[in-house]
């Protein structure tokens, strides 16, 4: 009975390690190839910027030299006094003066309240504003159409 329990299981073979290729290692190799290219590109960009700044400085200096030459005050020619200036009469017709229009057009007036500033001196002096019916009746009376 006990004999089946004492049997040893078969011995497994030793595992042989496989050479692992980790992504970190692959990435490090690629980065080692790429890093000099990036450094060269940065160096070229820096060199280009320095060259451009130098060119701009030279252009500004040339511009300053040119402006200094142009801005030197030079003598003006003397006017000719042997033939004096005689103004001629204009051939255009003179403008005709017009009377200014000081009235305010009806469409620009305030319609809600047509009181003068004197009428607004106090609340006790407010006058009765005519209604639209009273206005039309007054118009008919003035025209004799009633």
N, C-alpha and C. Protein backbone atom coordinates (compact mmCIF):
# COMPACT_ATOMS: atom_id res chain seq x y z
N UNK A 1 0.79 -1.19 0.00
CA UNK A 1 0.00 0.00 0.00
C UNK A 1 0.83 1.26 0.00
N UNK A 2 1.86 1.17 0.82
CA UNK A 2 2.69 2.37 0.95
C UNK A 2 3.69 2.51 -0.17
N UNK A 3 3.83 1.52 -0.93
CA UNK A 3 4.85 1.53 -1.97
C UNK A 3 4.55 2.54 -3.08
N UNK A 4 3.33 2.78 -3.36
CA UNK A 4 2.99 3.72 -4.45
C UNK A 4 3.25 5.15 -4.03
N UNK A 5 3.24 5.42 -2.77
CA UNK A 5 3.46 6.79 -2.30
C UNK A 5 4.94 7.12 -2.26
N UNK A 6 5.81 6.14 -2.17
CA UNK A 6 7.24 6.40 -2.03
C UNK A 6 7.96 6.53 -3.36
N UNK A 7 7.29 6.36 -4.43
CA UNK A 7 7.92 6.45 -5.75
C UNK A 7 8.21 7.93 -6.04
N UNK A 8 9.44 8.19 -6.46
CA UNK A 8 9.82 9.56 -6.77
C UNK A 8 9.33 9.94 -8.15
N UNK A 9 8.91 11.15 -8.26
CA UNK A 9 8.52 11.57 -9.61
C UNK A 9 9.76 11.72 -10.49
N UNK A 10 9.60 11.63 -11.81
CA UNK A 10 10.77 11.71 -12.69
C UNK A 10 11.43 13.09 -12.57
N UNK A 11 12.72 13.16 -12.67
CA UNK A 11 13.49 14.39 -12.52
C UNK A 11 13.38 15.18 -13.83
N UNK A 12 13.06 16.47 -13.67
CA UNK A 12 12.96 17.33 -14.86
C UNK A 12 14.34 17.76 -15.28
N UNK A 13 14.49 18.03 -16.57
CA UNK A 13 15.76 18.52 -17.09
C UNK A 13 15.94 19.96 -16.65
N UNK A 14 17.17 20.36 -16.49
CA UNK A 14 17.45 21.77 -16.17
C UNK A 14 17.06 22.66 -17.36
N UNK A 15 16.45 23.78 -17.02
CA UNK A 15 16.03 24.70 -18.10
C UNK A 15 17.24 25.49 -18.60
N UNK A 16 17.32 25.60 -19.87
CA UNK A 16 18.41 26.35 -20.50
C UNK A 16 17.90 27.78 -20.74
N UNK A 17 18.57 28.79 -20.23
CA UNK A 17 18.09 30.17 -20.44
C UNK A 17 18.23 30.59 -21.90
N UNK A 18 17.22 31.27 -22.36
CA UNK A 18 17.20 31.77 -23.74
C UNK A 18 17.75 33.19 -23.72
N UNK A 19 18.51 33.53 -24.73
CA UNK A 19 19.04 34.88 -24.82
C UNK A 19 17.88 35.84 -25.10
N UNK A 20 17.55 36.67 -24.13
CA UNK A 20 16.41 37.58 -24.27
C UNK A 20 16.82 38.85 -25.01
N UNK A 21 15.93 39.30 -25.85
CA UNK A 21 16.15 40.57 -26.52
C UNK A 21 15.06 41.52 -26.02
N UNK A 22 15.42 42.36 -25.06
CA UNK A 22 14.45 43.30 -24.50
C UNK A 22 14.31 44.53 -25.41
N UNK A 23 13.16 45.10 -25.33
CA UNK A 23 12.90 46.29 -26.14
C UNK A 23 13.82 47.43 -25.71
N UNK A 24 14.18 47.50 -24.43
CA UNK A 24 15.08 48.55 -23.95
C UNK A 24 16.42 48.48 -24.67
N UNK A 25 16.93 47.25 -24.84
CA UNK A 25 18.22 47.09 -25.50
C UNK A 25 18.16 47.54 -26.96
N UNK A 26 17.10 47.13 -27.65
CA UNK A 26 16.92 47.51 -29.06
C UNK A 26 16.80 49.02 -29.18
N UNK A 27 16.03 49.61 -28.30
CA UNK A 27 15.80 51.06 -28.31
C UNK A 27 17.10 51.81 -28.01
N UNK A 28 17.91 51.29 -27.11
CA UNK A 28 19.18 51.93 -26.78
C UNK A 28 20.11 51.95 -27.99
N UNK A 29 20.15 50.84 -28.74
CA UNK A 29 21.00 50.78 -29.94
C UNK A 29 20.52 51.78 -30.98
N UNK A 30 19.19 51.85 -31.21
CA UNK A 30 18.64 52.80 -32.18
C UNK A 30 18.91 54.24 -31.75
N UNK A 31 18.77 54.49 -30.47
CA UNK A 31 19.00 55.85 -29.95
C UNK A 31 20.48 56.23 -30.08
N UNK A 32 21.37 55.28 -29.90
CA UNK A 32 22.81 55.55 -30.04
C UNK A 32 23.14 55.93 -31.48
N UNK A 33 22.44 55.34 -32.46
CA UNK A 33 22.64 55.71 -33.86
C UNK A 33 21.99 57.06 -34.18
N UNK A 34 20.88 57.36 -33.49
CA UNK A 34 20.09 58.57 -33.80
C UNK A 34 20.65 59.82 -33.11
N UNK A 35 21.25 59.68 -31.95
CA UNK A 35 21.72 60.82 -31.17
C UNK A 35 22.71 61.71 -31.93
N UNK A 36 23.70 61.16 -32.65
CA UNK A 36 24.61 62.04 -33.40
C UNK A 36 23.91 62.83 -34.50
N UNK A 37 22.90 62.23 -35.11
CA UNK A 37 22.15 62.94 -36.15
C UNK A 37 21.44 64.16 -35.55
N UNK A 38 20.84 63.97 -34.38
CA UNK A 38 20.14 65.07 -33.70
C UNK A 38 21.13 66.16 -33.31
N UNK A 39 22.28 65.74 -32.79
CA UNK A 39 23.29 66.72 -32.40
C UNK A 39 23.78 67.51 -33.61
N UNK A 40 23.98 66.83 -34.74
CA UNK A 40 24.43 67.51 -35.97
C UNK A 40 23.37 68.50 -36.46
N UNK A 41 22.12 68.09 -36.38
CA UNK A 41 21.03 68.96 -36.82
C UNK A 41 20.94 70.21 -35.94
N UNK A 42 21.06 70.04 -34.62
CA UNK A 42 21.04 71.19 -33.71
C UNK A 42 22.21 72.12 -33.98
N UNK A 43 23.39 71.54 -34.26
CA UNK A 43 24.57 72.36 -34.55
C UNK A 43 24.36 73.18 -35.82
N UNK A 44 23.75 72.55 -36.84
CA UNK A 44 23.49 73.26 -38.10
C UNK A 44 22.48 74.39 -37.90
N UNK A 45 21.44 74.13 -37.10
CA UNK A 45 20.43 75.16 -36.83
C UNK A 45 21.05 76.34 -36.09
N UNK A 46 21.90 76.03 -35.10
CA UNK A 46 22.57 77.09 -34.34
C UNK A 46 23.48 77.91 -35.25
N UNK A 47 24.21 77.21 -36.12
CA UNK A 47 25.10 77.90 -37.05
C UNK A 47 24.30 78.77 -38.02
N UNK A 48 23.17 78.27 -38.50
CA UNK A 48 22.32 79.03 -39.41
C UNK A 48 21.79 80.30 -38.73
N UNK A 49 21.37 80.18 -37.46
CA UNK A 49 20.86 81.34 -36.73
C UNK A 49 21.95 82.38 -36.55
N UNK A 50 23.15 81.93 -36.19
CA UNK A 50 24.25 82.88 -36.01
C UNK A 50 24.59 83.58 -37.32
N UNK A 51 24.58 82.84 -38.42
CA UNK A 51 24.85 83.45 -39.73
C UNK A 51 23.78 84.46 -40.10
N UNK A 52 22.53 84.11 -39.83
CA UNK A 52 21.43 85.03 -40.14
C UNK A 52 21.52 86.29 -39.29
N UNK A 53 21.84 86.16 -38.00
CA UNK A 53 21.99 87.34 -37.15
C UNK A 53 23.14 88.21 -37.62
N UNK A 54 24.23 87.59 -38.06
CA UNK A 54 25.38 88.35 -38.56
C UNK A 54 24.99 89.12 -39.83
N UNK A 55 24.26 88.45 -40.73
CA UNK A 55 23.80 89.12 -41.95
C UNK A 55 22.88 90.29 -41.62
N UNK A 56 21.98 90.08 -40.67
CA UNK A 56 21.04 91.14 -40.29
C UNK A 56 21.78 92.32 -39.69
N UNK A 57 22.80 92.04 -38.88
CA UNK A 57 23.59 93.11 -38.28
C UNK A 57 24.30 93.92 -39.36
N UNK A 58 24.88 93.20 -40.34
CA UNK A 58 25.56 93.89 -41.44
C UNK A 58 24.59 94.76 -42.24
N UNK A 59 23.40 94.24 -42.50
CA UNK A 59 22.39 95.01 -43.24
C UNK A 59 21.99 96.26 -42.47
N UNK A 60 21.82 96.12 -41.16
CA UNK A 60 21.45 97.28 -40.34
C UNK A 60 22.55 98.33 -40.36
N UNK A 61 23.81 97.89 -40.29
CA UNK A 61 24.92 98.84 -40.34
C UNK A 61 24.97 99.55 -41.68
N UNK A 62 24.74 98.81 -42.77
CA UNK A 62 24.71 99.43 -44.10
C UNK A 62 23.56 100.44 -44.21
N UNK A 63 22.43 100.07 -43.64
CA UNK A 63 21.27 100.97 -43.66
C UNK A 63 21.57 102.25 -42.87
N UNK A 64 22.22 102.11 -41.74
CA UNK A 64 22.57 103.28 -40.93
C UNK A 64 23.54 104.17 -41.70
N UNK A 65 24.54 103.57 -42.35
CA UNK A 65 25.49 104.36 -43.14
C UNK A 65 24.76 105.10 -44.26
N UNK A 66 23.84 104.41 -44.95
CA UNK A 66 23.11 105.03 -46.06
C UNK A 66 22.24 106.18 -45.55
N UNK A 67 21.56 105.98 -44.42
CA UNK A 67 20.71 107.03 -43.87
C UNK A 67 21.53 108.24 -43.43
N UNK A 68 22.70 107.98 -42.86
CA UNK A 68 23.54 109.11 -42.44
C UNK A 68 23.99 109.93 -43.63
N UNK A 69 24.28 109.25 -44.75
CA UNK A 69 24.67 109.99 -45.96
C UNK A 69 23.50 110.80 -46.50
N UNK A 70 22.30 110.22 -46.49
CA UNK A 70 21.12 110.90 -47.04
C UNK A 70 20.68 112.07 -46.16
N UNK A 71 20.84 111.94 -44.86
CA UNK A 71 20.31 112.95 -43.95
C UNK A 71 21.26 114.12 -43.71
N UNK A 72 22.34 114.18 -44.45
CA UNK A 72 23.22 115.34 -44.32
C UNK A 72 22.49 116.55 -44.89
N UNK A 73 22.38 117.64 -44.10
CA UNK A 73 21.67 118.81 -44.62
C UNK A 73 22.41 119.42 -45.81
N UNK A 74 21.66 119.72 -46.83
CA UNK A 74 22.24 120.30 -48.04
C UNK A 74 21.63 121.68 -48.26
N UNK A 75 22.35 122.52 -48.91
CA UNK A 75 21.90 123.89 -49.14
C UNK A 75 20.73 123.91 -50.11
N UNK A 76 19.79 124.82 -49.82
CA UNK A 76 18.64 125.01 -50.69
C UNK A 76 18.99 126.06 -51.75
N UNK A 77 18.41 125.92 -52.91
CA UNK A 77 18.63 126.91 -53.96
C UNK A 77 17.95 128.22 -53.58
N UNK A 78 18.58 129.29 -53.95
CA UNK A 78 18.00 130.62 -53.69
C UNK A 78 16.85 130.85 -54.66
N UNK A 79 15.77 131.47 -54.19
CA UNK A 79 14.68 131.77 -55.11
C UNK A 79 15.09 132.89 -56.08
N UNK A 80 14.42 132.90 -57.22
CA UNK A 80 14.71 133.93 -58.23
C UNK A 80 13.94 135.19 -57.87
N UNK A 81 14.67 136.25 -57.53
CA UNK A 81 14.04 137.51 -57.18
C UNK A 81 13.92 138.43 -58.40
N UNK A 82 14.56 138.08 -59.50
CA UNK A 82 14.47 138.94 -60.68
C UNK A 82 13.11 138.83 -61.36
N UNK A 83 12.40 137.74 -61.17
CA UNK A 83 11.02 137.61 -61.69
C UNK A 83 10.11 137.25 -60.53
N UNK A 84 9.53 138.27 -59.92
CA UNK A 84 8.71 138.02 -58.73
C UNK A 84 7.44 137.23 -59.07
N UNK A 85 6.91 136.59 -58.04
CA UNK A 85 5.69 135.79 -58.20
C UNK A 85 4.47 136.69 -58.23
N UNK A 86 3.67 136.58 -59.27
CA UNK A 86 2.43 137.34 -59.40
C UNK A 86 1.29 136.33 -59.46
N UNK A 87 0.44 136.32 -58.44
CA UNK A 87 -0.66 135.34 -58.47
C UNK A 87 -1.67 135.69 -59.55
N UNK A 88 -2.23 134.66 -60.19
CA UNK A 88 -3.25 134.86 -61.21
C UNK A 88 -4.62 134.68 -60.59
N UNK A 89 -5.58 135.30 -61.18
CA UNK A 89 -6.95 135.17 -60.73
C UNK A 89 -7.48 133.78 -61.11
N UNK A 90 -8.23 133.21 -60.21
CA UNK A 90 -8.76 131.88 -60.45
C UNK A 90 -9.83 131.92 -61.53
N UNK A 91 -9.89 130.83 -62.30
CA UNK A 91 -10.89 130.74 -63.36
C UNK A 91 -12.19 130.09 -62.86
N UNK A 92 -12.21 129.59 -61.66
CA UNK A 92 -13.40 128.95 -61.11
C UNK A 92 -14.39 130.01 -60.65
N UNK A 93 -15.66 129.64 -60.69
CA UNK A 93 -16.71 130.53 -60.21
C UNK A 93 -16.72 130.51 -58.68
N UNK A 94 -16.99 131.65 -58.05
CA UNK A 94 -17.05 131.63 -56.59
C UNK A 94 -18.28 130.84 -56.11
N UNK A 95 -18.17 130.32 -54.93
CA UNK A 95 -19.28 129.54 -54.39
C UNK A 95 -20.41 130.47 -53.96
N UNK A 96 -21.62 129.98 -54.09
CA UNK A 96 -22.80 130.77 -53.72
C UNK A 96 -23.15 130.41 -52.29
N UNK A 97 -23.22 131.39 -51.37
CA UNK A 97 -23.54 131.06 -49.99
C UNK A 97 -25.00 130.63 -49.85
N UNK A 98 -25.25 129.71 -48.94
CA UNK A 98 -26.62 129.26 -48.67
C UNK A 98 -26.92 129.49 -47.20
N UNK A 99 -28.18 129.65 -46.92
CA UNK A 99 -28.63 129.81 -45.54
C UNK A 99 -28.58 128.44 -44.87
N UNK A 100 -28.03 128.34 -43.68
CA UNK A 100 -27.98 127.03 -43.02
C UNK A 100 -29.37 126.61 -42.52
N UNK A 101 -29.59 125.31 -42.48
CA UNK A 101 -30.86 124.77 -42.01
C UNK A 101 -30.70 124.38 -40.55
N UNK A 102 -31.33 125.15 -39.66
CA UNK A 102 -31.22 124.88 -38.24
C UNK A 102 -32.38 124.06 -37.70
N UNK A 103 -33.39 123.78 -38.51
CA UNK A 103 -34.53 123.03 -38.01
C UNK A 103 -34.18 121.55 -37.93
N UNK A 104 -34.80 120.87 -36.99
CA UNK A 104 -34.60 119.43 -36.82
C UNK A 104 -35.71 118.72 -37.57
N UNK A 105 -35.39 117.76 -38.39
CA UNK A 105 -36.44 117.05 -39.13
C UNK A 105 -37.40 116.35 -38.17
N UNK A 106 -38.63 116.18 -38.63
CA UNK A 106 -39.68 115.60 -37.77
C UNK A 106 -39.37 114.16 -37.36
N UNK A 107 -38.72 113.40 -38.24
CA UNK A 107 -38.46 111.99 -37.92
C UNK A 107 -37.37 111.86 -36.87
N UNK A 108 -36.62 112.93 -36.58
CA UNK A 108 -35.58 112.86 -35.57
C UNK A 108 -36.02 113.45 -34.23
N UNK A 109 -37.19 114.00 -34.15
CA UNK A 109 -37.66 114.58 -32.89
C UNK A 109 -38.19 113.48 -31.97
N UNK A 110 -38.20 113.75 -30.68
CA UNK A 110 -38.73 112.81 -29.70
C UNK A 110 -40.24 112.98 -29.67
N UNK A 111 -40.97 111.91 -29.93
CA UNK A 111 -42.43 112.00 -30.06
C UNK A 111 -43.16 111.75 -28.75
N UNK A 112 -42.50 111.14 -27.78
CA UNK A 112 -43.22 110.77 -26.57
C UNK A 112 -43.51 111.99 -25.70
N UNK A 113 -42.68 112.98 -25.72
CA UNK A 113 -42.88 114.13 -24.84
C UNK A 113 -42.40 115.37 -25.57
N UNK A 114 -43.29 116.25 -26.00
CA UNK A 114 -42.92 117.45 -26.76
C UNK A 114 -43.08 118.69 -25.91
N UNK A 115 -42.41 118.70 -24.77
CA UNK A 115 -42.45 119.87 -23.90
C UNK A 115 -41.12 120.58 -24.01
N UNK A 116 -41.14 121.87 -23.84
CA UNK A 116 -39.89 122.61 -23.86
C UNK A 116 -39.22 122.50 -22.50
N UNK A 117 -38.01 123.00 -22.40
CA UNK A 117 -37.28 122.92 -21.15
C UNK A 117 -37.91 123.80 -20.08
N UNK A 118 -38.57 124.87 -20.47
CA UNK A 118 -39.23 125.76 -19.50
C UNK A 118 -40.41 125.05 -18.85
N UNK A 119 -41.09 124.20 -19.59
CA UNK A 119 -42.25 123.49 -19.05
C UNK A 119 -41.82 122.45 -18.02
N UNK A 120 -40.59 122.00 -18.06
CA UNK A 120 -40.13 120.93 -17.18
C UNK A 120 -39.52 121.46 -15.89
N UNK A 121 -39.78 122.73 -15.54
CA UNK A 121 -39.12 123.32 -14.37
C UNK A 121 -39.58 122.68 -13.06
N UNK A 122 -40.78 122.20 -12.98
CA UNK A 122 -41.24 121.59 -11.74
C UNK A 122 -42.42 120.68 -11.99
N UNK A 123 -42.70 119.75 -11.06
CA UNK A 123 -43.80 118.82 -11.29
C UNK A 123 -45.17 119.50 -11.19
N UNK A 124 -45.25 120.61 -10.47
CA UNK A 124 -46.55 121.27 -10.33
C UNK A 124 -46.92 122.04 -11.58
N UNK A 125 -45.94 122.37 -12.42
CA UNK A 125 -46.22 123.17 -13.60
C UNK A 125 -46.38 122.33 -14.86
N UNK A 126 -46.48 121.01 -14.74
CA UNK A 126 -46.67 120.18 -15.92
C UNK A 126 -48.03 120.46 -16.53
N UNK A 127 -48.03 120.61 -17.83
CA UNK A 127 -49.29 120.88 -18.53
C UNK A 127 -49.85 119.58 -19.05
N UNK A 128 -51.14 119.62 -19.33
CA UNK A 128 -51.81 118.46 -19.88
C UNK A 128 -51.39 118.30 -21.34
N UNK A 129 -50.90 117.11 -21.68
CA UNK A 129 -50.51 116.84 -23.06
C UNK A 129 -51.75 116.40 -23.83
N UNK A 130 -51.97 116.98 -25.00
CA UNK A 130 -53.15 116.58 -25.77
C UNK A 130 -53.02 115.16 -26.29
N UNK A 131 -54.09 114.42 -26.29
CA UNK A 131 -54.10 113.07 -26.80
C UNK A 131 -54.17 113.12 -28.32
N UNK A 132 -54.04 111.98 -28.94
CA UNK A 132 -54.06 111.94 -30.40
C UNK A 132 -55.43 112.34 -30.95
N UNK A 133 -56.49 112.03 -30.22
CA UNK A 133 -57.84 112.41 -30.67
C UNK A 133 -57.96 113.93 -30.64
N UNK A 134 -57.47 114.56 -29.57
CA UNK A 134 -57.53 116.03 -29.47
C UNK A 134 -56.69 116.68 -30.55
N UNK A 135 -55.58 116.08 -30.90
CA UNK A 135 -54.73 116.65 -31.96
C UNK A 135 -55.45 116.62 -33.30
N UNK A 136 -56.09 115.48 -33.60
CA UNK A 136 -56.79 115.39 -34.90
C UNK A 136 -57.97 116.35 -34.94
N UNK A 137 -58.67 116.51 -33.83
CA UNK A 137 -59.78 117.48 -33.80
C UNK A 137 -59.26 118.89 -34.03
N UNK A 138 -58.11 119.22 -33.44
CA UNK A 138 -57.54 120.55 -33.63
C UNK A 138 -57.15 120.75 -35.09
N UNK A 139 -56.64 119.73 -35.73
CA UNK A 139 -56.28 119.84 -37.15
C UNK A 139 -57.52 120.10 -38.01
N UNK A 140 -58.61 119.37 -37.73
CA UNK A 140 -59.84 119.55 -38.50
C UNK A 140 -60.39 120.96 -38.31
N UNK A 141 -60.31 121.50 -37.10
CA UNK A 141 -60.81 122.85 -36.84
C UNK A 141 -60.02 123.88 -37.62
N UNK A 142 -58.67 123.70 -37.60
CA UNK A 142 -57.82 124.66 -38.31
C UNK A 142 -58.07 124.63 -39.81
N UNK A 143 -58.43 123.51 -40.34
CA UNK A 143 -58.67 123.41 -41.79
C UNK A 143 -60.14 123.67 -42.16
N UNK A 144 -60.95 123.76 -41.16
CA UNK A 144 -62.37 124.02 -41.42
C UNK A 144 -63.10 122.81 -41.93
N UNK A 145 -62.71 121.63 -41.55
CA UNK A 145 -63.32 120.39 -42.07
C UNK A 145 -64.28 119.77 -41.08
N UNK A 146 -64.53 120.38 -39.97
CA UNK A 146 -65.35 119.74 -38.95
C UNK A 146 -66.76 119.65 -39.36
